[in-house]
Amino acid sequence: MCNSEGECRPLGFLIGLPFSFLCLLLSIVGTFVWIIGTLLSCICPCFLCLTVVIEIALELIKAPLHVMTWFISMIPC
């Protein structure tokens, strides 16, 4: 996988794959939490604490991308 500067770092990509897979499972959980939280906040908008839960769920959904970019940036070759 190549970063934004055009440098290819296949070793970082390969090392990050298992961790990215675990984050993919977490993102699936985050998707369900986001759907349930959005439905509950639409039904009753007085649940202000659900906005925090929805924000955390969105970060879980983005987790595989964050993990892969972190691994690719840490491996120099």
PDB file of N, CA and C in Angstrom:
ATOM      1  N   MET A   1       0.848  -1.166   0.000  1.00  0.00           N
ATOM      2  CA  MET A   1       0.000   0.000   0.000  1.00  0.00           C
ATOM      3  C   MET A   1       0.892   1.227   0.000  1.00  0.00           C
ATOM      4  N   CYS A   2       0.524   2.230  -0.728  1.00  0.00           N
ATOM      5  CA  CYS A   2       1.312   3.457  -0.837  1.00  0.00           C
ATOM      6  C   CYS A   2       0.677   4.559  -0.006  1.00  0.00           C
ATOM      7  N   ASN A   3       1.521   5.393   0.580  1.00  0.00           N
ATOM      8  CA  ASN A   3       1.000   6.520   1.346  1.00  0.00           C
ATOM      9  C   ASN A   3       0.793   7.721   0.435  1.00  0.00           C
ATOM     10  N   SER A   4       0.471   8.838   1.024  1.00  0.00           N
ATOM     11  CA  SER A   4       0.127  10.024   0.235  1.00  0.00           C
ATOM     12  C   SER A   4       1.337  10.617  -0.493  1.00  0.00           C
ATOM     13  N   GLU A   5       2.571  10.328  -0.025  1.00  0.00           N
ATOM     14  CA  GLU A   5       3.756  10.859  -0.684  1.00  0.00           C
ATOM     15  C   GLU A   5       4.241   9.975  -1.821  1.00  0.00           C
ATOM     16  N   GLY A   6       3.558   8.872  -2.088  1.00  0.00           N
ATOM     17  CA  GLY A   6       3.936   7.990  -3.176  1.00  0.00           C
ATOM     18  C   GLY A   6       4.931   6.911  -2.792  1.00  0.00           C
ATOM     19  N   GLU A   7       5.265   6.801  -1.494  1.00  0.00           N
ATOM     20  CA  GLU A   7       6.187   5.775  -1.039  1.00  0.00           C
ATOM     21  C   GLU A   7       5.411   4.501  -0.733  1.00  0.00           C
ATOM     22  N   CYS A   8       5.864   3.393  -1.281  1.00  0.00           N
ATOM     23  CA  CYS A   8       5.212   2.115  -1.025  1.00  0.00           C
ATOM     24  C   CYS A   8       5.886   1.416   0.150  1.00  0.00           C
ATOM     25  N   ARG A   9       5.094   0.941   1.084  1.00  0.00           N
ATOM     26  CA  ARG A   9       5.608   0.253   2.255  1.00  0.00           C
ATOM     27  C   ARG A   9       4.834  -1.053   2.445  1.00  0.00           C
ATOM     28  N   PRO A  10       5.169  -2.095   1.675  1.00  0.00           N
ATOM     29  CA  PRO A  10       4.397  -3.336   1.753  1.00  0.00           C
ATOM     30  C   PRO A  10       4.570  -4.062   3.082  1.00  0.00           C
ATOM     31  N   LEU A  11       5.729  -3.914   3.746  1.00  0.00           N
ATOM     32  CA  LEU A  11       5.943  -4.596   5.012  1.00  0.00           C
ATOM     33  C   LEU A  11       4.998  -4.068   6.088  1.00  0.00           C
ATOM     34  N   GLY A  12       4.821  -2.776   6.155  1.00  0.00           N
ATOM     35  CA  GLY A  12       3.879  -2.197   7.118  1.00  0.00           C
ATOM     36  C   GLY A  12       2.460  -2.634   6.846  1.00  0.00           C
ATOM     37  N   PHE A  13       2.125  -2.778   5.579  1.00  0.00           N
ATOM     38  CA  PHE A  13       0.789  -3.232   5.211  1.00  0.00           C
ATOM     39  C   PHE A  13       0.576  -4.673   5.661  1.00  0.00           C
ATOM     40  N   LEU A  14       1.560  -5.532   5.435  1.00  0.00           N
ATOM     41  CA  LEU A  14       1.428  -6.946   5.802  1.00  0.00           C
ATOM     42  C   LEU A  14       1.402  -7.146   7.310  1.00  0.00           C
ATOM     43  N   ILE A  15       2.221  -6.396   8.034  1.00  0.00           N
ATOM     44  CA  ILE A  15       2.226  -6.516   9.492  1.00  0.00           C
ATOM     45  C   ILE A  15       0.907  -5.995  10.076  1.00  0.00           C
ATOM     46  N   GLY A  16       0.328  -4.996   9.471  1.00  0.00           N
ATOM     47  CA  GLY A  16      -0.900  -4.405   9.990  1.00  0.00           C
ATOM     48  C   GLY A  16      -2.163  -5.168   9.644  1.00  0.00           C
ATOM     49  N   LEU A  17      -2.097  -6.140   8.739  1.00  0.00           N
ATOM     50  CA  LEU A  17      -3.309  -6.854   8.331  1.00  0.00           C
ATOM     51  C   LEU A  17      -4.037  -7.573   9.472  1.00  0.00           C
ATOM     52  N   PRO A  18      -3.359  -8.338  10.346  1.00  0.00           N
ATOM     53  CA  PRO A  18      -4.117  -8.988  11.432  1.00  0.00           C
ATOM     54  C   PRO A  18      -4.802  -7.988  12.359  1.00  0.00           C
ATOM     55  N   PHE A  19      -4.101  -6.889  12.657  1.00  0.00           N
ATOM     56  CA  PHE A  19      -4.698  -5.876  13.526  1.00  0.00           C
ATOM     57  C   PHE A  19      -5.849  -5.168  12.827  1.00  0.00           C
ATOM     58  N   SER A  20      -5.721  -4.993  11.542  1.00  0.00           N
ATOM     59  CA  SER A  20      -6.802  -4.384  10.780  1.00  0.00           C
ATOM     60  C   SER A  20      -8.024  -5.294  10.751  1.00  0.00           C
ATOM     61  N   PHE A  21      -7.796  -6.597  10.695  1.00  0.00           N
ATOM     62  CA  PHE A  21      -8.917  -7.539  10.731  1.00  0.00           C
ATOM     63  C   PHE A  21      -9.654  -7.456  12.062  1.00  0.00           C
ATOM     64  N   LEU A  22      -8.899  -7.359  13.174  1.00  0.00           N
ATOM     65  CA  LEU A  22      -9.543  -7.194  14.474  1.00  0.00           C
ATOM     66  C   LEU A  22     -10.331  -5.888  14.540  1.00  0.00           C
ATOM     67  N   CYS A  23      -9.776  -4.842  13.965  1.00  0.00           N
ATOM     68  CA  CYS A  23     -10.482  -3.559  13.936  1.00  0.00           C
ATOM     69  C   CYS A  23     -11.707  -3.627  13.041  1.00  0.00           C
ATOM     70  N   LEU A  24     -11.653  -4.460  12.006  1.00  0.00           N
ATOM     71  CA  LEU A  24     -12.827  -4.643  11.156  1.00  0.00           C
ATOM     72  C   LEU A  24     -13.967  -5.262  11.950  1.00  0.00           C
ATOM     73  N   LEU A  25     -13.648  -6.217  12.814  1.00  0.00           N
ATOM     74  CA  LEU A  25     -14.678  -6.793  13.675  1.00  0.00           C
ATOM     75  C   LEU A  25     -15.247  -5.748  14.634  1.00  0.00           C
ATOM     76  N   LEU A  26     -14.364  -4.898  15.163  1.00  0.00           N
ATOM     77  CA  LEU A  26     -14.837  -3.815  16.026  1.00  0.00           C
ATOM     78  C   LEU A  26     -15.692  -2.816  15.258  1.00  0.00           C
ATOM     79  N   SER A  27     -15.366  -2.593  13.993  1.00  0.00           N
ATOM     80  CA  SER A  27     -16.161  -1.653  13.207  1.00  0.00           C
ATOM     81  C   SER A  27     -17.548  -2.213  12.909  1.00  0.00           C
ATOM     82  N   ILE A  28     -17.662  -3.526  12.803  1.00  0.00           N
ATOM     83  CA  ILE A  28     -18.989  -4.132  12.626  1.00  0.00           C
ATOM     84  C   ILE A  28     -19.819  -3.915  13.882  1.00  0.00           C
ATOM     85  N   VAL A  29     -19.199  -4.092  15.052  1.00  0.00           N
ATOM     86  CA  VAL A  29     -19.892  -3.812  16.313  1.00  0.00           C
ATOM     87  C   VAL A  29     -20.262  -2.336  16.380  1.00  0.00           C
ATOM     88  N   GLY A  30     -19.343  -1.465  15.964  1.00  0.00           N
ATOM     89  CA  GLY A  30     -19.623  -0.033  15.951  1.00  0.00           C
ATOM     90  C   GLY A  30     -20.760   0.331  15.027  1.00  0.00           C
ATOM     91  N   THR A  31     -20.893  -0.393  13.916  1.00  0.00           N
ATOM     92  CA  THR A  31     -22.001  -0.138  12.991  1.00  0.00           C
ATOM     93  C   THR A  31     -23.334  -0.447  13.651  1.00  0.00           C
ATOM     94  N   PHE A  32     -23.404  -1.576  14.356  1.00  0.00           N
ATOM     95  CA  PHE A  32     -24.650  -1.920  15.042  1.00  0.00           C
ATOM     96  C   PHE A  32     -24.975  -0.919  16.145  1.00  0.00           C
ATOM     97  N   VAL A  33     -23.954  -0.504  16.899  1.00  0.00           N
ATOM     98  CA  VAL A  33     -24.175   0.490  17.952  1.00  0.00           C
ATOM     99  C   VAL A  33     -24.632   1.808  17.346  1.00  0.00           C
ATOM    100  N   TRP A  34     -24.045   2.196  16.210  1.00  0.00           N
ATOM    101  CA  TRP A  34     -24.431   3.441  15.554  1.00  0.00           C
ATOM    102  C   TRP A  34     -25.879   3.381  15.077  1.00  0.00           C
ATOM    103  N   ILE A  35     -26.275   2.267  14.479  1.00  0.00           N
ATOM    104  CA  ILE A  35     -27.655   2.123  13.990  1.00  0.00           C
ATOM    105  C   ILE A  35     -28.641   2.174  15.144  1.00  0.00           C
ATOM    106  N   ILE A  36     -28.371   1.434  16.207  1.00  0.00           N
ATOM    107  CA  ILE A  36     -29.281   1.418  17.359  1.00  0.00           C
ATOM    108  C   ILE A  36     -29.323   2.793  18.026  1.00  0.00           C
ATOM    109  N   GLY A  37     -28.149   3.433  18.187  1.00  0.00           N
ATOM    110  CA  GLY A  37     -28.115   4.761  18.803  1.00  0.00           C
ATOM    111  C   GLY A  37     -28.841   5.806  17.978  1.00  0.00           C
ATOM    112  N   THR A  38     -28.709   5.721  16.649  1.00  0.00           N
ATOM    113  CA  THR A  38     -29.402   6.676  15.781  1.00  0.00           C
ATOM    114  C   THR A  38     -30.904   6.478  15.847  1.00  0.00           C
ATOM    115  N   LEU A  39     -31.337   5.225  15.849  1.00  0.00           N
ATOM    116  CA  LEU A  39     -32.780   4.957  15.944  1.00  0.00           C
ATOM    117  C   LEU A  39     -33.341   5.439  17.279  1.00  0.00           C
ATOM    118  N   LEU A  40     -32.616   5.184  18.367  1.00  0.00           N
ATOM    119  CA  LEU A  40     -33.101   5.630  19.675  1.00  0.00           C
ATOM    120  C   LEU A  40     -33.109   7.153  19.789  1.00  0.00           C
ATOM    121  N   SER A  41     -32.122   7.811  19.204  1.00  0.00           N
ATOM    122  CA  SER A  41     -32.115   9.270  19.282  1.00  0.00           C
ATOM    123  C   SER A  41     -33.195   9.879  18.393  1.00  0.00           C
ATOM    124  N   CYS A  42     -33.595   9.188  17.328  1.00  0.00           N
ATOM    125  CA  CYS A  42     -34.703   9.682  16.509  1.00  0.00           C
ATOM    126  C   CYS A  42     -36.041   9.478  17.207  1.00  0.00           C
ATOM    127  N   ILE A  43     -36.157   8.374  17.938  1.00  0.00           N
ATOM    128  CA  ILE A  43     -37.411   8.094  18.646  1.00  0.00           C
ATOM    129  C   ILE A  43     -37.597   9.058  19.813  1.00  0.00           C
ATOM    130  N   CYS A  44     -36.561   9.223  20.599  1.00  0.00           N
ATOM    131  CA  CYS A  44     -36.637  10.113  21.749  1.00  0.00           C
ATOM    132  C   CYS A  44     -35.397  11.000  21.783  1.00  0.00           C
ATOM    133  N   PRO A  45     -35.508  12.243  21.335  1.00  0.00           N
ATOM    134  CA  PRO A  45     -34.339  13.124  21.295  1.00  0.00           C
ATOM    135  C   PRO A  45     -33.836  13.568  22.672  1.00  0.00           C
ATOM    136  N   CYS A  46     -34.520  13.164  23.743  1.00  0.00           N
ATOM    137  CA  CYS A  46     -34.060  13.562  25.080  1.00  0.00           C
ATOM    138  C   CYS A  46     -32.868  12.735  25.547  1.00  0.00           C
ATOM    139  N   PHE A  47     -32.488  11.716  24.792  1.00  0.00           N
ATOM    140  CA  PHE A  47     -31.315  10.919  25.127  1.00  0.00           C
ATOM    141  C   PHE A  47     -30.059  11.632  24.635  1.00  0.00           C
ATOM    142  N   LEU A  48     -29.587  12.619  25.387  1.00  0.00           N
ATOM    143  CA  LEU A  48     -28.404  13.375  24.982  1.00  0.00           C
ATOM    144  C   LEU A  48     -27.127  12.546  25.118  1.00  0.00           C
ATOM    145  N   CYS A  49     -27.143  11.544  25.995  1.00  0.00           N
ATOM    146  CA  CYS A  49     -25.948  10.732  26.165  1.00  0.00           C
ATOM    147  C   CYS A  49     -25.713   9.836  24.951  1.00  0.00           C
ATOM    148  N   LEU A  50     -26.724   9.628  24.142  1.00  0.00           N
ATOM    149  CA  LEU A  50     -26.553   8.792  22.959  1.00  0.00           C
ATOM    150  C   LEU A  50     -25.668   9.442  21.908  1.00  0.00           C
ATOM    151  N   THR A  51     -25.559  10.754  21.913  1.00  0.00           N
ATOM    152  CA  THR A  51     -24.672  11.395  20.941  1.00  0.00           C
ATOM    153  C   THR A  51     -23.220  11.005  21.184  1.00  0.00           C
ATOM    154  N   VAL A  52     -22.843  10.848  22.450  1.00  0.00           N
ATOM    155  CA  VAL A  52     -21.484  10.413  22.776  1.00  0.00           C
ATOM    156  C   VAL A  52     -21.281   8.977  22.305  1.00  0.00           C
ATOM    157  N   VAL A  53     -22.266   8.130  22.514  1.00  0.00           N
ATOM    158  CA  VAL A  53     -22.190   6.734  22.084  1.00  0.00           C
ATOM    159  C   VAL A  53     -22.102   6.654  20.563  1.00  0.00           C
ATOM    160  N   ILE A  54     -22.847   7.490  19.873  1.00  0.00           N
ATOM    161  CA  ILE A  54     -22.818   7.495  18.411  1.00  0.00           C
ATOM    162  C   ILE A  54     -21.452   7.965  17.908  1.00  0.00           C
ATOM    163  N   GLU A  55     -20.857   8.957  18.561  1.00  0.00           N
ATOM    164  CA  GLU A  55     -19.517   9.418  18.168  1.00  0.00           C
ATOM    165  C   GLU A  55     -18.470   8.332  18.378  1.00  0.00           C
ATOM    166  N   ILE A  56     -18.564   7.595  19.471  1.00  0.00           N
ATOM    167  CA  ILE A  56     -17.637   6.487  19.722  1.00  0.00           C
ATOM    168  C   ILE A  56     -17.838   5.395  18.680  1.00  0.00           C
ATOM    169  N   ALA A  57     -19.084   5.125  18.319  1.00  0.00           N
ATOM    170  CA  ALA A  57     -19.361   4.116  17.299  1.00  0.00           C
ATOM    171  C   ALA A  57     -18.785   4.528  15.947  1.00  0.00           C
ATOM    172  N   LEU A  58     -18.850   5.807  15.622  1.00  0.00           N
ATOM    173  CA  LEU A  58     -18.258   6.274  14.370  1.00  0.00           C
ATOM    174  C   LEU A  58     -16.740   6.110  14.372  1.00  0.00           C
ATOM    175  N   GLU A  59     -16.105   6.320  15.505  1.00  0.00           N
ATOM    176  CA  GLU A  59     -14.657   6.103  15.598  1.00  0.00           C
ATOM    177  C   GLU A  59     -14.321   4.619  15.473  1.00  0.00           C
ATOM    178  N   LEU A  60     -15.182   3.748  15.997  1.00  0.00           N
ATOM    179  CA  LEU A  60     -14.966   2.312  15.821  1.00  0.00           C
ATOM    180  C   LEU A  60     -15.088   1.906  14.362  1.00  0.00           C
ATOM    181  N   ILE A  61     -15.993   2.553  13.652  1.00  0.00           N
ATOM    182  CA  ILE A  61     -16.165   2.238  12.238  1.00  0.00           C
ATOM    183  C   ILE A  61     -14.924   2.656  11.451  1.00  0.00           C
ATOM    184  N   LYS A  62     -14.300   3.764  11.834  1.00  0.00           N
ATOM    185  CA  LYS A  62     -13.106   4.256  11.138  1.00  0.00           C
ATOM    186  C   LYS A  62     -11.819   3.591  11.616  1.00  0.00           C
ATOM    187  N   ALA A  63     -11.879   2.726  12.612  1.00  0.00           N
ATOM    188  CA  ALA A  63     -10.684   2.141  13.224  1.00  0.00           C
ATOM    189  C   ALA A  63      -9.778   1.388  12.259  1.00  0.00           C
ATOM    190  N   PRO A  64     -10.288   0.554  11.340  1.00  0.00           N
ATOM    191  CA  PRO A  64      -9.353  -0.159  10.448  1.00  0.00           C
ATOM    192  C   PRO A  64      -8.487   0.781   9.612  1.00  0.00           C
ATOM    193  N   LEU A  65      -9.043   1.881   9.173  1.00  0.00           N
ATOM    194  CA  LEU A  65      -8.253   2.838   8.389  1.00  0.00           C
ATOM    195  C   LEU A  65      -7.175   3.492   9.239  1.00  0.00           C
ATOM    196  N   HIS A  66      -7.519   3.834  10.472  1.00  0.00           N
ATOM    197  CA  HIS A  66      -6.531   4.449  11.360  1.00  0.00           C
ATOM    198  C   HIS A  66      -5.393   3.479  11.666  1.00  0.00           C
ATOM    199  N   VAL A  67      -5.730   2.213  11.894  1.00  0.00           N
ATOM    200  CA  VAL A  67      -4.707   1.219  12.219  1.00  0.00           C
ATOM    201  C   VAL A  67      -3.772   1.003  11.039  1.00  0.00           C
ATOM    202  N   MET A  68      -4.323   0.864   9.850  1.00  0.00           N
ATOM    203  CA  MET A  68      -3.475   0.619   8.683  1.00  0.00           C
ATOM    204  C   MET A  68      -2.570   1.818   8.383  1.00  0.00           C
ATOM    205  N   THR A  69      -3.089   3.018   8.473  1.00  0.00           N
ATOM    206  CA  THR A  69      -2.230   4.182   8.210  1.00  0.00           C
ATOM    207  C   THR A  69      -1.161   4.327   9.287  1.00  0.00           C
ATOM    208  N   TRP A  70      -1.484   3.964  10.534  1.00  0.00           N
ATOM    209  CA  TRP A  70      -0.481   4.042  11.586  1.00  0.00           C
ATOM    210  C   TRP A  70       0.627   3.026  11.347  1.00  0.00           C
ATOM    211  N   PHE A  71       0.258   1.778  11.019  1.00  0.00           N
ATOM    212  CA  PHE A  71       1.277   0.765  10.760  1.00  0.00           C
ATOM    213  C   PHE A  71       2.140   1.111   9.566  1.00  0.00           C
ATOM    214  N   ILE A  72       1.542   1.602   8.525  1.00  0.00           N
ATOM    215  CA  ILE A  72       2.315   1.955   7.331  1.00  0.00           C
ATOM    216  C   ILE A  72       3.269   3.099   7.621  1.00  0.00           C
ATOM    217  N   SER A  73       2.847   4.042   8.450  1.00  0.00           N
ATOM    218  CA  SER A  73       3.740   5.165   8.768  1.00  0.00           C
ATOM    219  C   SER A  73       4.878   4.770   9.717  1.00  0.00           C
ATOM    220  N   MET A  74       4.688   3.716  10.515  1.00  0.00           N
ATOM    221  CA  MET A  74       5.714   3.317  11.486  1.00  0.00           C
ATOM    222  C   MET A  74       6.813   2.450  10.870  1.00  0.00           C
ATOM    223  N   ILE A  75       6.523   1.700   9.831  1.00  0.00           N
ATOM    224  CA  ILE A  75       7.517   0.809   9.236  1.00  0.00           C
ATOM    225  C   ILE A  75       8.299   1.602   8.182  1.00  0.00           C
ATOM    226  N   PRO A  76       9.615   1.701   8.325  1.00  0.00           N
ATOM    227  CA  PRO A  76      10.385   2.543   7.408  1.00  0.00           C
ATOM    228  C   PRO A  76      10.607   1.936   6.020  1.00  0.00           C
ATOM    229  N   CYS A  77      10.463   0.629   5.857  1.00  0.00           N
ATOM    230  CA  CYS A  77      10.761   0.052   4.543  1.00  0.00           C
ATOM    231  C   CYS A  77       9.507  -0.407   3.820  1.00  0.00           C
TER     232      CYS A  77
END
